[in-house]
Amino acid sequence: MFYREAGQFKTTYEADSAKFPIFQDKVFIWLYLAIGFIAIPLFGSQFFLDAIMIPFLVLALAAVGLNILTGYTGQISLGTGAFMGVGAYACYKLTLAMPDVNIILLIVASGIFSALAGVFFGLPSLRIKGFYLVVTTLAAQFFLEWAFIRFPWLYNYNPSGAIEVPQREAFGVIVTGAAASSEARYLVVLSVVVIMTWFASNILSGRIGRSWMMIRDMDIAAELMGVRPLYAKLSAFAVSSFYCGVAGALMVFIWQGAAEVEIFDYNRSFQVLFMVILGGLGSLLGCFLGAAVIFIFPIVMHHALPPIWETLTPWTMNSSQADLVAAVIIGVMIVAFLILEPHGLARLWAIFKQKLRVWPFPY
């Protein structure tokens, strides 16, 4: 009964088409932001911030980028990991070339190079689609991985072939390097993710986002109605790759602190794709729900399952076995959602909210 719009009258079109038309939704959003920006940095442990929250936010941002391309535009891609790598290496070179520039600006600017790579490798989407586009983007993944290894200039001729993040400041606070605090790095990632998600929400609700969804639903009809597939598809690849590039820069500079090319391989692309599928295609909320299940659920199982198993049964279980069990459960969940609820966890959340709005009356 506390989640209803009774008495909340809309007198303008802007109020009726708002992203959060119900007052309670606005309250919950501000509550979530307060928890994220105030409660978690104050009360969260270093392990919770470094091993759970920062990776979760970084991967959720990458999922937002892939969902823009796959969920909203209908262009399937398996090159997410490579585009994240482009952003990471670009940010590394920008940091070395401009050491006095705010590192947050360089992280965001690195997404431009990833966007250019996305436009280039998105050109085949103008002629092919479906399985053939998947193969093309997978080829881009392998090509960029090869480039990251074969061009020593990208990693500044480091004998180890790895990116070593230098210490940099933002607004007078150290946010990269060994001296950076967990709270500072977490707040940087959270701020970037919140702002970029807000931008994505506005783009998707505008003319550009509607053109993407028209291409997704029926590209021929969209072209007949005046949507230009060239601009629509390439802009989707550009924006999607931009988000993935920023996520890759955050992964290296804020999360990992150092990185080799292996963290941008095809396994990363599949991980982000599974987040989008499980969370829900065509849903920004689904990106965060999918990231929570794919990334946080195995961590919980890794630490919680062995003691629970040993308490309930006479057999023992180590952490590696718990990881295997978590992988099996996630695989079963993906197959089950593809069959029973293709729109993912976001759809289940929407159904729950609708039932809550009419409770206790029948739905």
Protein backbone atom coordinates (compact mmCIF):
# COMPACT_ATOMS: atom_id res chain seq x y z
CA MET A 1 0.00 0.00 0.00
CA PHE A 2 2.98 2.32 0.37
CA TYR A 3 3.96 1.95 -3.29
CA ARG A 4 1.11 3.51 -5.25
CA GLU A 5 0.57 6.59 -7.34
CA ALA A 6 -2.86 7.33 -5.90
CA GLY A 7 -3.22 11.09 -5.56
CA GLN A 8 -0.11 11.83 -7.66
CA PHE A 9 -1.67 13.74 -10.54
CA LYS A 10 0.31 14.74 -13.61
CA THR A 11 -0.54 18.09 -15.21
CA THR A 12 2.19 18.25 -17.88
CA TYR A 13 3.57 15.94 -20.51
CA GLU A 14 7.04 16.20 -19.00
CA ALA A 15 5.78 15.00 -15.61
CA ASP A 16 3.84 12.13 -17.17
CA SER A 17 6.83 10.96 -19.25
CA ALA A 18 9.38 11.32 -16.46
CA LYS A 19 11.76 8.43 -15.85
CA PHE A 20 10.43 8.09 -12.29
CA PRO A 21 6.76 9.13 -12.44
CA ILE A 22 5.96 7.73 -8.99
CA PHE A 23 7.13 9.73 -6.00
CA GLN A 24 8.28 6.60 -4.17
CA ASP A 25 10.63 5.75 -7.06
CA LYS A 26 12.32 9.12 -6.68
CA VAL A 27 12.68 8.57 -2.94
CA PHE A 28 14.22 5.12 -3.52
CA ILE A 29 16.69 6.50 -6.08
CA TRP A 30 17.91 9.16 -3.68
CA LEU A 31 18.10 6.51 -0.96
CA TYR A 32 20.21 4.25 -3.16
CA LEU A 33 22.53 7.16 -4.01
CA ALA A 34 22.86 8.04 -0.32
CA ILE A 35 23.76 4.46 0.49
CA GLY A 36 26.25 4.33 -2.36
CA PHE A 37 27.98 7.66 -1.74
CA ILE A 38 27.78 7.85 2.05
CA ALA A 39 27.01 4.57 3.82
CA ILE A 40 29.20 2.19 1.84
CA PRO A 41 32.40 4.33 1.99
CA LEU A 42 31.88 4.94 5.72
CA PHE A 43 31.06 1.40 6.82
CA GLY A 44 32.39 -0.82 4.03
CA SER A 45 35.60 -2.72 4.65
CA GLN A 46 38.59 -2.52 2.34
CA PHE A 47 37.86 -6.01 1.02
CA PHE A 48 34.24 -5.11 0.32
CA LEU A 49 35.24 -1.99 -1.61
CA ASP A 50 38.22 -3.42 -3.50
CA ALA A 51 37.02 -6.95 -4.24
CA ILE A 52 33.27 -6.47 -4.64
CA MET A 53 31.97 -2.95 -5.17
CA ILE A 54 34.61 -1.52 -7.51
CA PRO A 55 34.67 -4.57 -9.85
CA PHE A 56 30.88 -4.76 -9.76
CA LEU A 57 30.51 -1.13 -10.86
CA VAL A 58 33.17 -1.43 -13.57
CA LEU A 59 31.60 -4.54 -15.08
CA ALA A 60 28.13 -3.03 -14.81
CA LEU A 61 29.33 -0.05 -16.87
CA ALA A 62 30.72 -2.41 -19.50
CA ALA A 63 27.36 -4.21 -19.51
CA VAL A 64 25.61 -0.87 -20.08
CA GLY A 65 27.82 -0.33 -23.13
CA LEU A 66 27.10 -3.78 -24.56
CA ASN A 67 23.38 -3.47 -23.81
CA ILE A 68 23.21 -0.25 -25.82
CA LEU A 69 24.49 -2.18 -28.83
CA THR A 70 22.84 -5.56 -28.32
CA GLY A 71 19.75 -4.88 -26.24
CA TYR A 72 18.67 -1.55 -27.73
CA THR A 73 20.06 -1.76 -31.29
CA GLY A 74 19.98 -5.50 -31.91
CA GLN A 75 23.61 -5.74 -33.04
CA ILE A 76 25.27 -8.71 -31.36
CA SER A 77 28.92 -8.24 -30.41
CA LEU A 78 31.60 -10.46 -28.91
CA GLY A 79 34.31 -7.79 -28.96
CA THR A 80 33.52 -6.13 -25.64
CA GLY A 81 36.75 -7.23 -23.99
CA ALA A 82 38.84 -5.88 -26.87
CA PHE A 83 37.09 -2.49 -26.79
CA MET A 84 37.71 -2.34 -23.05
CA GLY A 85 41.36 -3.00 -23.82
CA VAL A 86 41.47 -0.14 -26.34
CA GLY A 87 40.24 2.23 -23.63
CA ALA A 88 42.75 0.91 -21.10
CA TYR A 89 45.78 1.20 -23.39
CA ALA A 90 44.63 4.61 -24.64
CA CYS A 91 44.31 5.86 -21.08
CA TYR A 92 47.79 4.54 -20.30
CA LYS A 93 49.34 6.42 -23.21
CA LEU A 94 47.39 9.58 -22.39
CA THR A 95 48.56 9.40 -18.79
CA LEU A 96 52.20 9.18 -19.87
CA ALA A 97 51.80 11.99 -22.41
CA MET A 98 49.85 14.33 -20.11
CA PRO A 99 50.86 13.57 -16.52
CA ASP A 100 49.44 16.82 -15.13
CA VAL A 101 45.91 16.40 -16.47
CA ASN A 102 43.15 15.20 -14.16
CA ILE A 103 43.16 11.40 -14.38
CA ILE A 104 39.36 11.25 -14.45
CA LEU A 105 39.33 13.37 -17.61
CA LEU A 106 41.86 11.03 -19.19
CA ILE A 107 39.79 7.98 -18.25
CA VAL A 108 36.73 9.47 -19.91
CA ALA A 109 38.74 10.69 -22.92
CA SER A 110 40.12 7.19 -23.47
CA GLY A 111 36.61 6.12 -24.43
CA ILE A 112 36.92 8.25 -27.58
CA PHE A 113 39.64 5.98 -28.96
CA SER A 114 37.52 2.94 -28.17
CA ALA A 115 34.57 4.60 -29.93
CA LEU A 116 36.68 5.10 -33.06
CA ALA A 117 37.66 1.43 -32.97
CA GLY A 118 34.01 0.49 -32.50
CA VAL A 119 32.96 2.52 -35.54
CA PHE A 120 35.65 0.91 -37.67
CA PHE A 121 34.78 -2.64 -36.67
CA GLY A 122 31.07 -1.81 -36.82
CA LEU A 123 31.18 -1.06 -40.54
CA PRO A 124 30.37 -4.71 -41.47
CA SER A 125 27.05 -4.33 -39.60
CA LEU A 126 25.82 -2.23 -42.54
CA ARG A 127 25.87 -5.34 -44.73
CA ILE A 128 25.62 -8.33 -42.41
CA LYS A 129 23.71 -9.24 -39.30
CA GLY A 130 23.06 -12.10 -36.90
CA PHE A 131 25.59 -14.92 -36.76
CA TYR A 132 27.88 -13.32 -39.34
CA LEU A 133 28.11 -10.12 -37.30
CA VAL A 134 28.99 -12.23 -34.25
CA VAL A 135 31.86 -13.79 -36.20
CA THR A 136 33.03 -10.36 -37.37
CA THR A 137 33.11 -8.89 -33.88
CA LEU A 138 34.86 -12.01 -32.59
CA ALA A 139 37.48 -11.49 -35.28
CA ALA A 140 37.88 -7.91 -34.03
CA GLN A 141 38.41 -9.33 -30.55
CA PHE A 142 41.24 -11.58 -31.71
CA PHE A 143 42.82 -8.89 -33.89
CA LEU A 144 42.91 -6.30 -31.10
CA GLU A 145 44.30 -8.85 -28.65
CA TRP A 146 47.07 -9.54 -31.16
CA ALA A 147 47.72 -5.80 -31.55
CA PHE A 148 47.99 -5.31 -27.79
CA ILE A 149 50.80 -7.88 -27.72
CA ARG A 150 52.63 -7.12 -30.96
CA PHE A 151 52.97 -3.34 -30.59
CA PRO A 152 55.33 -2.66 -27.65
CA TRP A 153 54.66 1.08 -27.93
CA LEU A 154 51.22 0.48 -26.43
CA TYR A 155 52.68 -0.73 -23.13
CA ASN A 156 55.69 1.65 -23.28
CA TYR A 157 58.14 -1.14 -24.15
CA ASN A 158 57.74 -2.72 -20.72
CA PRO A 159 59.68 -6.06 -20.70
CA SER A 160 56.77 -7.76 -18.93
CA GLY A 161 54.30 -6.53 -21.55
CA ALA A 162 51.99 -5.24 -18.81
CA ILE A 163 50.48 -1.85 -18.07
CA GLU A 164 51.81 -0.45 -14.81
CA VAL A 165 49.55 2.31 -13.52
CA PRO A 166 51.37 5.40 -12.25
CA GLN A 167 50.25 7.38 -9.24
CA ARG A 168 47.89 10.18 -10.24
CA GLU A 169 45.61 12.64 -8.45
CA ALA A 170 42.11 13.98 -9.05
CA PHE A 171 41.00 17.16 -7.29
CA GLY A 172 43.99 16.90 -4.96
CA VAL A 173 43.27 13.28 -3.93
CA ILE A 174 45.37 10.30 -4.99
CA VAL A 175 43.09 7.91 -6.89
CA THR A 176 45.53 5.64 -8.76
CA GLY A 177 48.62 3.78 -7.65
CA ALA A 178 49.46 1.93 -4.46
CA ALA A 179 48.94 5.03 -2.31
CA ALA A 180 45.31 5.48 -3.36
CA SER A 181 42.74 4.66 -0.69
CA SER A 182 39.91 2.23 -1.33
CA GLU A 183 37.31 4.89 -0.48
CA ALA A 184 38.73 7.38 -3.02
CA ARG A 185 38.88 4.81 -5.81
CA TYR A 186 35.39 3.58 -5.05
CA LEU A 187 33.91 7.09 -5.11
CA VAL A 188 35.60 7.82 -8.44
CA VAL A 189 34.17 4.67 -10.02
CA LEU A 190 30.73 5.23 -8.53
CA SER A 191 30.61 8.84 -9.72
CA VAL A 192 31.63 7.92 -13.26
CA VAL A 193 29.15 5.03 -13.42
CA VAL A 194 26.24 7.10 -12.09
CA ILE A 195 26.87 10.01 -14.46
CA MET A 196 27.39 7.81 -17.51
CA THR A 197 24.31 5.73 -16.72
CA TRP A 198 22.30 8.93 -16.44
CA PHE A 199 23.61 10.06 -19.82
CA ALA A 200 22.76 6.66 -21.34
CA SER A 201 19.22 6.90 -19.97
CA ASN A 202 18.74 10.30 -21.58
CA ILE A 203 20.18 9.17 -24.91
CA LEU A 204 17.94 6.10 -25.00
CA SER A 205 14.81 8.12 -24.27
CA GLY A 206 15.61 10.64 -27.02
CA ARG A 207 15.59 10.63 -30.79
CA ILE A 208 18.85 8.69 -31.12
CA GLY A 209 17.72 5.96 -28.74
CA ARG A 210 14.38 5.60 -30.52
CA SER A 211 16.18 5.23 -33.85
CA TRP A 212 18.31 2.45 -32.33
CA MET A 213 15.24 0.61 -31.12
CA MET A 214 13.57 0.99 -34.51
CA ILE A 215 16.62 -0.60 -36.15
CA ARG A 216 16.44 -3.40 -33.58
CA ASP A 217 12.75 -4.13 -34.14
CA MET A 218 12.72 -3.92 -37.96
CA ASP A 219 15.53 -2.22 -39.81
CA ILE A 220 13.79 -2.15 -43.20
CA ALA A 221 10.69 -0.48 -41.78
CA ALA A 222 12.89 1.96 -39.87
CA GLU A 223 14.68 2.92 -43.07
CA LEU A 224 11.36 3.47 -44.84
CA MET A 225 10.31 5.78 -41.99
CA GLY A 226 13.42 7.94 -42.41
CA VAL A 227 15.94 6.34 -40.05
CA ARG A 228 19.34 6.08 -41.71
CA PRO A 229 20.89 2.68 -40.86
CA LEU A 230 24.40 4.03 -41.48
CA TYR A 231 24.16 6.65 -38.75
CA ALA A 232 22.02 4.57 -36.41
CA LYS A 233 24.21 1.47 -36.40
CA LEU A 234 27.55 3.24 -36.37
CA SER A 235 26.43 5.64 -33.65
CA ALA A 236 25.33 2.64 -31.57
CA PHE A 237 28.74 1.01 -32.06
CA ALA A 238 30.45 4.30 -31.17
CA VAL A 239 28.48 4.93 -27.97
CA SER A 240 28.67 1.28 -26.91
CA SER A 241 32.42 1.12 -27.46
CA PHE A 242 32.87 4.45 -25.68
CA TYR A 243 31.24 3.03 -22.57
CA CYS A 244 33.27 -0.16 -22.83
CA GLY A 245 36.48 1.85 -23.26
CA VAL A 246 35.81 3.91 -20.15
CA ALA A 247 35.03 0.68 -18.27
CA GLY A 248 38.33 -0.80 -19.45
CA ALA A 249 40.26 2.28 -18.28
CA LEU A 250 38.54 2.10 -14.90
CA MET A 251 39.33 -1.60 -14.69
CA VAL A 252 43.06 -1.05 -15.10
CA PHE A 253 43.60 2.30 -13.38
CA ILE A 254 41.13 2.06 -10.50
CA TRP A 255 40.46 -1.65 -9.97
CA GLN A 256 43.50 -3.70 -11.00
CA GLY A 257 46.35 -1.20 -10.72
CA ALA A 258 48.22 -3.17 -13.40
CA ALA A 259 47.10 -5.36 -16.24
CA GLU A 260 48.19 -7.70 -18.98
CA VAL A 261 46.41 -8.38 -22.22
CA GLU A 262 44.82 -11.56 -20.86
CA ILE A 263 42.22 -9.64 -18.85
CA PHE A 264 40.76 -8.33 -22.13
CA ASP A 265 40.40 -11.70 -23.86
CA TYR A 266 37.22 -13.30 -25.18
CA ASN A 267 36.37 -14.63 -21.72
CA ARG A 268 35.77 -11.03 -20.63
CA SER A 269 33.50 -10.51 -23.65
CA PHE A 270 31.44 -13.57 -22.77
CA GLN A 271 31.28 -12.51 -19.11
CA VAL A 272 29.78 -9.13 -20.00
CA LEU A 273 27.45 -10.75 -22.54
CA PHE A 274 26.12 -13.13 -19.89
CA MET A 275 25.51 -10.17 -17.59
CA VAL A 276 23.37 -8.54 -20.27
CA ILE A 277 21.46 -11.74 -21.03
CA LEU A 278 20.79 -12.60 -17.40
CA GLY A 279 20.00 -9.05 -16.37
CA GLY A 280 17.76 -8.31 -19.31
CA LEU A 281 18.27 -7.09 -22.87
CA GLY A 282 17.14 -3.52 -23.36
CA SER A 283 17.27 -2.56 -19.68
CA LEU A 284 19.81 -0.38 -17.87
CA LEU A 285 18.69 -1.81 -14.54
CA GLY A 286 19.31 -5.28 -15.93
CA CYS A 287 22.97 -4.42 -16.47
CA PHE A 288 23.45 -3.93 -12.73
CA LEU A 289 21.34 -6.95 -11.80
CA GLY A 290 23.24 -9.14 -14.23
CA ALA A 291 26.61 -7.86 -12.99
CA ALA A 292 25.55 -8.59 -9.42
CA VAL A 293 24.62 -12.19 -10.24
CA ILE A 294 27.53 -13.00 -12.55
CA PHE A 295 30.26 -11.37 -10.44
CA ILE A 296 29.07 -11.11 -6.83
CA PHE A 297 27.22 -14.44 -6.60
CA PRO A 298 30.39 -16.57 -7.18
CA ILE A 299 32.22 -14.56 -4.50
CA VAL A 300 29.43 -15.22 -2.02
CA MET A 301 29.41 -18.91 -2.91
CA HIS A 302 33.21 -19.05 -2.64
CA HIS A 303 33.16 -17.90 0.97
CA ALA A 304 29.77 -19.10 2.23
CA LEU A 305 29.14 -22.46 0.58
CA PRO A 306 32.00 -24.58 2.09
CA PRO A 307 31.11 -23.90 5.77
CA ILE A 308 27.39 -24.36 5.08
CA TRP A 309 28.06 -27.62 3.22
CA GLU A 310 30.28 -28.95 5.97
CA THR A 311 27.66 -28.04 8.58
CA LEU A 312 24.83 -29.84 6.79
CA THR A 313 26.76 -32.86 5.48
CA PRO A 314 29.58 -35.10 6.75
CA TRP A 315 31.70 -34.28 3.66
CA THR A 316 34.12 -31.44 3.16
CA MET A 317 34.20 -28.86 0.36
CA ASN A 318 37.05 -26.56 -0.63
CA SER A 319 36.82 -23.17 -2.30
CA SER A 320 37.60 -24.46 -5.80
CA GLN A 321 34.70 -26.91 -5.59
CA ALA A 322 32.44 -24.08 -4.44
CA ASP A 323 33.52 -22.06 -7.49
CA LEU A 324 32.56 -24.97 -9.75
CA VAL A 325 29.15 -25.23 -8.08
CA ALA A 326 28.62 -21.48 -8.57
CA ALA A 327 29.57 -21.77 -12.25
CA VAL A 328 27.10 -24.62 -12.74
CA ILE A 329 24.31 -22.67 -11.02
CA ILE A 330 24.95 -19.59 -13.17
CA GLY A 331 24.95 -21.73 -16.33
CA VAL A 332 21.63 -23.28 -15.37
CA MET A 333 20.22 -19.83 -14.59
CA ILE A 334 21.24 -18.49 -18.01
CA VAL A 335 19.58 -21.40 -19.83
CA ALA A 336 16.47 -21.14 -17.63
CA PHE A 337 16.11 -17.41 -18.24
CA LEU A 338 16.59 -17.81 -21.98
CA ILE A 339 13.73 -20.34 -22.02
CA LEU A 340 11.36 -19.03 -19.33
CA GLU A 341 12.03 -15.29 -19.15
CA PRO A 342 14.11 -13.94 -22.07
CA HIS A 343 13.87 -10.39 -20.69
CA GLY A 344 15.88 -11.40 -17.64
CA LEU A 345 15.92 -10.21 -14.08
CA ALA A 346 14.78 -6.72 -15.04
CA ARG A 347 11.47 -8.16 -16.21
CA LEU A 348 10.99 -10.05 -12.96
CA TRP A 349 11.67 -6.85 -11.04
CA ALA A 350 9.10 -4.98 -13.15
CA ILE A 351 6.51 -7.70 -12.47
CA PHE A 352 7.24 -7.53 -8.74
CA LYS A 353 6.80 -3.74 -8.74
CA GLN A 354 3.50 -4.02 -10.59
CA LYS A 355 2.22 -6.62 -8.14
CA LEU A 356 3.29 -4.40 -5.27
CA ARG A 357 1.35 -1.47 -6.73
CA VAL A 358 -1.96 -3.38 -6.70
CA TRP A 359 -1.42 -5.48 -3.55
CA PRO A 360 -3.49 -6.88 -1.81
CA PHE A 361 -5.88 -6.93 -4.77
CA PRO A 362 -5.57 -9.67 -7.40
CA TYR A 363 -3.33 -8.97 -10.34
